[in-house]
C-alpha cells in the first residue's frame, strides 16, 4: 500500500493511504493541524504565562498565604481562559480559510478525504493545541500555589475541575469559530465569534430582557438569541479560586451541554462546507 504526501505552505504534510479508515484520516488531519499550530509559535504564549505568574507571585509576596493562594489561582485560571480564547478565535477562524486561500484544499480533497472528516480533523487538531496549552498552565499554577503556600492548599484541588470547565468552554468556542469560518472571511468570523462569546456570557440577561420587553418583536429576537447562542456562563465557577470544589452535577451537565452543542456546530460547519464550490 503506497502513501502519498501533500506538501503545502500552511500544511506541512498530510499522509493519506489509498484506502484509509475514517479514524485514520481524521487523525492525520488533526495531528497535522496540531503541528501547524506549534510551528506558528502558538505555544510560546506559555512562556508569557509563566513570566506573569512568577511576577505576580513576587508582587503578592507580602500578602497572607490565603490571599496569595487565591490571587494566584484567580490569575492562573484567568490567564488560561484569556490565552485559550485568543487561540481558539484567531486560529480557529483561519483553519478553513487558510487552506482555501492557499489553494491547498484542492490537493487535500483530491485524496480519499470527505469534507466532514476535514472539518472534524481540523477541530480536533486545535483542541489538542488547547489541551497542551491548558495542561501546562494548570501545572504552572499548581507549582506556584505549592510555592506560595509552602505546602498543600485547598486551591490546588479546586482549580483542577475549574480548569476542566474552562477547557470545555474553549472547545465550544473553537467549534463556534470553525462554524463561522466555514462560510465567512477570517475578519468577519473573528468578529462573529467574539460577539457570540461575549453575548454567551450574558444569556441569562437575554432571557430576562425578553421577559421584561413590551415589544413582541424584541421578545422574539432575544428569545431566539437566547436559545441559539451557546451559554458560556454554564462553564464558570469563580468560587474555585477560593478553594471551593466544583459540584459534580455542574461538571456532568456542562460536559453534556458542551458535547451536544459542539456536535451541532460541527454538523452545521460540515453541512455548509459540503455545499461550498471551490472551482
Protein backbone atom coordinates (compact mmCIF):
# COMPACT_ATOMS: atom_id res chain seq x y z
CA UNK A 1 0.00 0.00 0.00
CA UNK A 2 1.58 3.26 -1.06
CA UNK A 3 1.42 6.51 0.80
CA UNK A 4 1.23 9.83 -0.97
CA UNK A 5 2.06 13.13 0.62
CA UNK A 6 0.75 16.60 0.02
CA UNK A 7 3.25 19.36 0.74
CA UNK A 8 1.81 22.80 1.12
CA UNK A 9 2.63 26.18 2.55
CA UNK A 10 0.26 26.11 5.53
CA UNK A 11 0.03 22.33 5.68
CA UNK A 12 3.32 20.55 6.09
CA UNK A 13 2.29 17.06 5.09
CA UNK A 14 -0.92 15.08 5.31
CA UNK A 15 -0.34 11.41 4.65
CA UNK A 16 -3.41 9.51 3.48
CA UNK A 17 -3.20 5.96 2.23
CA UNK A 18 -5.17 4.79 -0.79
CA UNK A 19 -7.92 3.25 1.30
CA UNK A 20 -7.62 4.52 4.87
CA UNK A 21 -10.21 4.26 7.60
CA UNK A 22 -12.18 7.30 8.65
CA UNK A 23 -10.44 7.47 12.03
CA UNK A 24 -7.01 7.35 10.38
CA UNK A 25 -7.84 10.23 8.04
CA UNK A 26 -9.23 12.38 10.84
CA UNK A 27 -6.19 11.56 12.99
CA UNK A 28 -3.79 12.54 10.19
CA UNK A 29 -5.51 15.91 9.70
CA UNK A 30 -5.71 16.53 13.46
CA UNK A 31 -2.02 15.80 14.04
CA UNK A 32 -1.04 17.97 11.11
CA UNK A 33 -3.15 20.85 12.45
CA UNK A 34 -1.50 20.47 15.84
CA UNK A 35 1.99 20.56 14.30
CA UNK A 36 0.99 23.58 12.24
CA UNK A 37 -0.12 25.41 15.40
CA UNK A 38 3.20 24.63 17.06
CA UNK A 39 5.11 25.96 14.05
CA UNK A 40 3.04 29.14 14.27
CA UNK A 41 4.51 29.57 17.77
CA UNK A 42 1.12 29.40 19.42
CA UNK A 43 2.52 27.65 22.46
CA UNK A 44 5.01 30.44 23.03
CA UNK A 45 2.30 32.21 24.98
CA UNK A 46 3.07 29.70 27.73
CA UNK A 47 6.38 31.47 28.33
CA UNK A 48 4.47 34.72 28.80
CA UNK A 49 2.08 32.95 31.16
CA UNK A 50 4.92 31.64 33.32
CA UNK A 51 6.54 35.08 33.46
CA UNK A 52 3.24 36.67 34.50
CA UNK A 53 2.68 34.04 37.17
CA UNK A 54 6.20 34.36 38.59
CA UNK A 55 5.98 38.15 38.59
CA UNK A 56 2.60 38.04 40.31
CA UNK A 57 3.94 35.67 42.95
CA UNK A 58 6.70 38.15 43.77
CA UNK A 59 4.26 41.07 43.71
CA UNK A 60 1.91 39.48 46.25
CA UNK A 61 4.63 38.03 48.43
CA UNK A 62 3.71 40.46 51.21
CA UNK A 63 0.14 39.18 51.38
CA UNK A 64 -1.05 36.42 53.69
CA UNK A 65 -0.84 32.84 52.47
CA UNK A 66 -4.61 32.59 51.96
CA UNK A 67 -4.78 35.83 49.97
CA UNK A 68 -1.74 34.93 47.91
CA UNK A 69 -3.12 31.49 47.03
CA UNK A 70 -6.46 32.96 45.99
CA UNK A 71 -4.73 35.59 43.85
CA UNK A 72 -2.53 33.03 42.10
CA UNK A 73 -5.47 30.67 41.50
CA UNK A 74 -7.52 33.53 40.06
CA UNK A 75 -4.64 34.64 37.86
CA UNK A 76 -3.87 31.13 36.63
CA UNK A 77 -7.46 30.34 35.67
CA UNK A 78 -7.93 33.81 34.17
CA UNK A 79 -4.81 33.54 32.00
CA UNK A 80 -5.82 30.05 30.90
CA UNK A 81 -9.17 31.44 29.75
CA UNK A 82 -7.82 34.57 28.07
CA UNK A 83 -4.91 32.93 26.23
CA UNK A 84 -7.07 29.95 25.30
CA UNK A 85 -9.85 32.18 23.94
CA UNK A 86 -7.37 34.11 21.81
CA UNK A 87 -6.01 30.86 20.37
CA UNK A 88 -9.50 29.46 19.80
CA UNK A 89 -10.74 32.55 17.95
CA UNK A 90 -7.77 33.80 15.99
CA UNK A 91 -6.52 30.38 14.90
CA UNK A 92 -9.94 28.73 14.71
CA UNK A 93 -11.26 31.27 12.19
CA UNK A 94 -8.33 30.57 9.87
CA UNK A 95 -8.41 26.78 9.94
CA UNK A 96 -10.59 26.52 6.84
CA UNK A 97 -9.94 29.86 5.16
CA UNK A 98 -6.17 29.40 5.09
CA UNK A 99 -6.49 26.12 3.21
CA UNK A 100 -8.84 27.76 0.68
CA UNK A 101 -6.74 30.90 0.30
CA UNK A 102 -3.54 28.92 -0.34
CA UNK A 103 -5.49 26.53 -2.59
CA UNK A 104 -4.16 23.55 -0.64
CA UNK A 105 -7.74 22.39 -0.12
CA UNK A 106 -7.81 21.11 -3.72
CA UNK A 107 -4.87 18.77 -3.15
CA UNK A 108 -6.24 17.53 0.15
CA UNK A 109 -9.78 16.86 -1.04
CA UNK A 110 -8.39 15.11 -4.12
CA UNK A 111 -7.36 12.40 -1.67
CA UNK A 112 -9.95 9.98 -0.24
CA UNK A 113 -10.92 12.55 2.39
CA UNK A 114 -14.50 13.66 2.88
CA UNK A 115 -15.21 17.25 3.76
CA UNK A 116 -16.76 16.43 7.11
CA UNK A 117 -13.61 14.47 8.01
CA UNK A 118 -11.57 17.55 7.13
CA UNK A 119 -13.71 19.70 9.46
CA UNK A 120 -13.55 17.22 12.34
CA UNK A 121 -9.81 16.73 11.92
CA UNK A 122 -9.16 20.48 11.95
CA UNK A 123 -11.32 20.85 15.06
CA UNK A 124 -9.61 18.06 16.96
CA UNK A 125 -6.18 19.37 15.99
CA UNK A 126 -6.82 22.78 17.53
CA UNK A 127 -8.40 21.15 20.58
CA UNK A 128 -5.15 19.21 21.03
CA UNK A 129 -3.24 22.50 20.97
CA UNK A 130 -5.57 23.97 23.58
CA UNK A 131 -5.25 20.84 25.71
CA UNK A 132 -1.45 21.08 25.82
CA UNK A 133 -1.75 24.80 26.49
CA UNK A 134 -4.21 24.21 29.35
CA UNK A 135 -2.23 21.38 30.93
CA UNK A 136 0.97 23.43 31.06
CA UNK A 137 -0.87 26.41 32.54
CA UNK A 138 -2.54 24.26 35.19
CA UNK A 139 0.79 22.70 36.13
CA UNK A 140 2.37 26.15 36.36
CA UNK A 141 -0.46 27.36 38.59
CA UNK A 142 -0.18 24.29 40.80
CA UNK A 143 3.56 24.81 41.25
CA UNK A 144 3.04 28.49 42.04
CA UNK A 145 0.40 27.58 44.64
CA UNK A 146 2.69 24.97 46.14
CA UNK A 147 5.49 27.50 46.42
CA UNK A 148 3.27 30.28 47.78
CA UNK A 149 1.58 28.14 50.39
CA UNK A 150 4.68 26.16 51.30
CA UNK A 151 2.54 23.05 51.12
CA UNK A 152 -0.90 21.87 50.08
CA UNK A 153 -3.71 24.42 49.81
CA UNK A 154 -7.43 23.90 49.01
CA UNK A 155 -6.99 25.88 45.77
CA UNK A 156 -4.64 23.20 44.40
CA UNK A 157 -7.51 20.70 44.32
CA UNK A 158 -10.32 23.07 43.38
CA UNK A 159 -8.66 24.56 40.27
CA UNK A 160 -8.45 21.17 38.54
CA UNK A 161 -12.20 20.75 37.86
CA UNK A 162 -12.44 24.50 37.23
CA UNK A 163 -9.72 24.18 34.58
CA UNK A 164 -11.70 21.32 33.03
CA UNK A 165 -14.75 23.59 32.73
CA UNK A 166 -12.59 26.27 31.10
CA UNK A 167 -11.30 23.72 28.61
CA UNK A 168 -14.88 22.74 27.73
CA UNK A 169 -15.65 26.42 27.18
CA UNK A 170 -12.63 26.77 24.89
CA UNK A 171 -13.56 23.62 22.95
CA UNK A 172 -17.03 25.06 22.41
CA UNK A 173 -15.53 28.38 21.30
CA UNK A 174 -13.35 26.56 18.75
CA UNK A 175 -16.48 24.94 17.30
CA UNK A 176 -18.14 28.37 17.08
CA UNK A 177 -15.13 29.88 15.29
CA UNK A 178 -14.84 26.90 12.95
CA UNK A 179 -18.52 27.10 12.06
CA UNK A 180 -18.25 30.78 11.13
CA UNK A 181 -15.02 30.18 9.20
CA UNK A 182 -16.75 27.59 7.03
CA UNK A 183 -18.60 30.35 5.16
CA UNK A 184 -17.00 33.70 6.06
CA UNK A 185 -13.69 35.55 5.97
CA UNK A 186 -11.32 35.44 8.98
CA UNK A 187 -12.08 39.04 9.99
CA UNK A 188 -15.85 38.58 9.99
CA UNK A 189 -15.52 35.14 11.57
CA UNK A 190 -13.42 36.59 14.39
CA UNK A 191 -15.98 39.36 14.96
CA UNK A 192 -18.88 36.90 14.94
CA UNK A 193 -17.05 34.51 17.27
CA UNK A 194 -16.10 37.27 19.69
CA UNK A 195 -19.67 38.59 19.71
CA UNK A 196 -21.07 35.11 20.34
CA UNK A 197 -18.52 34.62 23.12
CA UNK A 198 -19.39 37.89 24.86
CA UNK A 199 -23.15 37.55 24.44
CA UNK A 200 -22.95 33.92 25.52
CA UNK A 201 -21.80 35.05 28.96
CA UNK A 202 -24.98 37.08 29.38
CA UNK A 203 -27.55 34.55 28.22
CA UNK A 204 -29.48 34.91 31.45
CA UNK A 205 -29.77 38.65 30.86
CA UNK A 206 -31.11 37.99 27.35
CA UNK A 207 -33.90 35.87 28.75
CA UNK A 208 -34.69 38.43 31.45
CA UNK A 209 -34.72 41.25 28.92
CA UNK A 210 -37.09 39.23 26.71
CA UNK A 211 -39.48 38.77 29.63
CA UNK A 212 -39.42 42.45 30.53
CA UNK A 213 -39.78 43.78 26.97
CA UNK A 214 -43.15 45.15 25.84
CA UNK A 215 -42.36 44.60 22.15
CA UNK A 216 -43.23 41.22 20.69
CA UNK A 217 -40.54 41.67 18.05
CA UNK A 218 -37.83 42.37 20.65
CA UNK A 219 -39.03 39.45 22.76
CA UNK A 220 -38.86 37.17 19.73
CA UNK A 221 -35.36 38.28 18.73
CA UNK A 222 -33.99 38.00 22.27
CA UNK A 223 -35.60 34.59 22.77
CA UNK A 224 -34.11 33.29 19.53
CA UNK A 225 -30.69 34.58 20.55
CA UNK A 226 -31.06 33.00 23.98
CA UNK A 227 -31.70 29.54 22.56
CA UNK A 228 -29.45 29.88 19.51
CA UNK A 229 -26.24 31.20 21.04
CA UNK A 230 -24.17 28.94 23.33
CA UNK A 231 -24.42 29.76 27.04
CA UNK A 232 -20.77 30.16 28.06
CA UNK A 233 -21.76 31.07 31.61
CA UNK A 234 -22.54 27.38 32.15
CA UNK A 235 -18.80 26.76 32.42
CA UNK A 236 -17.99 29.37 35.06
CA UNK A 237 -17.35 28.64 38.72
CA UNK A 238 -15.34 31.55 40.22
CA UNK A 239 -15.60 30.10 43.73
CA UNK A 240 -12.93 27.55 42.74
CA UNK A 241 -10.25 30.22 43.26
CA UNK A 242 -11.36 30.38 46.91
CA UNK A 243 -10.90 26.67 47.44
CA UNK A 244 -14.49 25.52 46.80
CA UNK A 245 -14.83 22.35 44.77
CA UNK A 246 -16.89 22.42 41.58
CA UNK A 247 -20.12 20.44 42.11
CA UNK A 248 -20.18 17.12 40.30
CA UNK A 249 -23.62 17.95 38.94
CA UNK A 250 -22.22 21.08 37.27
CA UNK A 251 -19.36 19.11 35.73
CA UNK A 252 -21.71 16.49 34.28
CA UNK A 253 -24.28 18.98 32.98
CA UNK A 254 -21.57 21.18 31.44
CA UNK A 255 -19.96 18.18 29.75
CA UNK A 256 -23.25 17.03 28.23
CA UNK A 257 -24.11 20.58 27.15
CA UNK A 258 -20.69 21.03 25.50
CA UNK A 259 -20.80 17.68 23.68
CA UNK A 260 -24.30 18.29 22.31
CA UNK A 261 -23.62 21.89 21.27
CA UNK A 262 -20.23 21.08 19.72
CA UNK A 263 -21.81 18.24 17.75
CA UNK A 264 -24.47 20.61 16.42
CA UNK A 265 -21.92 23.27 15.45
CA UNK A 266 -19.60 20.80 13.73
CA UNK A 267 -22.54 19.29 11.86
CA UNK A 268 -23.57 22.76 10.69
CA UNK A 269 -19.98 23.57 9.67
CA UNK A 270 -19.66 20.30 7.76
CA UNK A 271 -23.01 20.85 6.01
CA UNK A 272 -22.06 24.40 4.96
CA UNK A 273 -18.58 23.31 3.87
CA UNK A 274 -20.06 20.41 1.90
CA UNK A 275 -22.13 22.80 -0.19
CA UNK A 276 -19.27 25.17 -0.99
CA UNK A 277 -17.95 25.22 -4.52
CA UNK A 278 -14.17 25.62 -4.78
CA UNK A 279 -13.99 25.73 -8.57
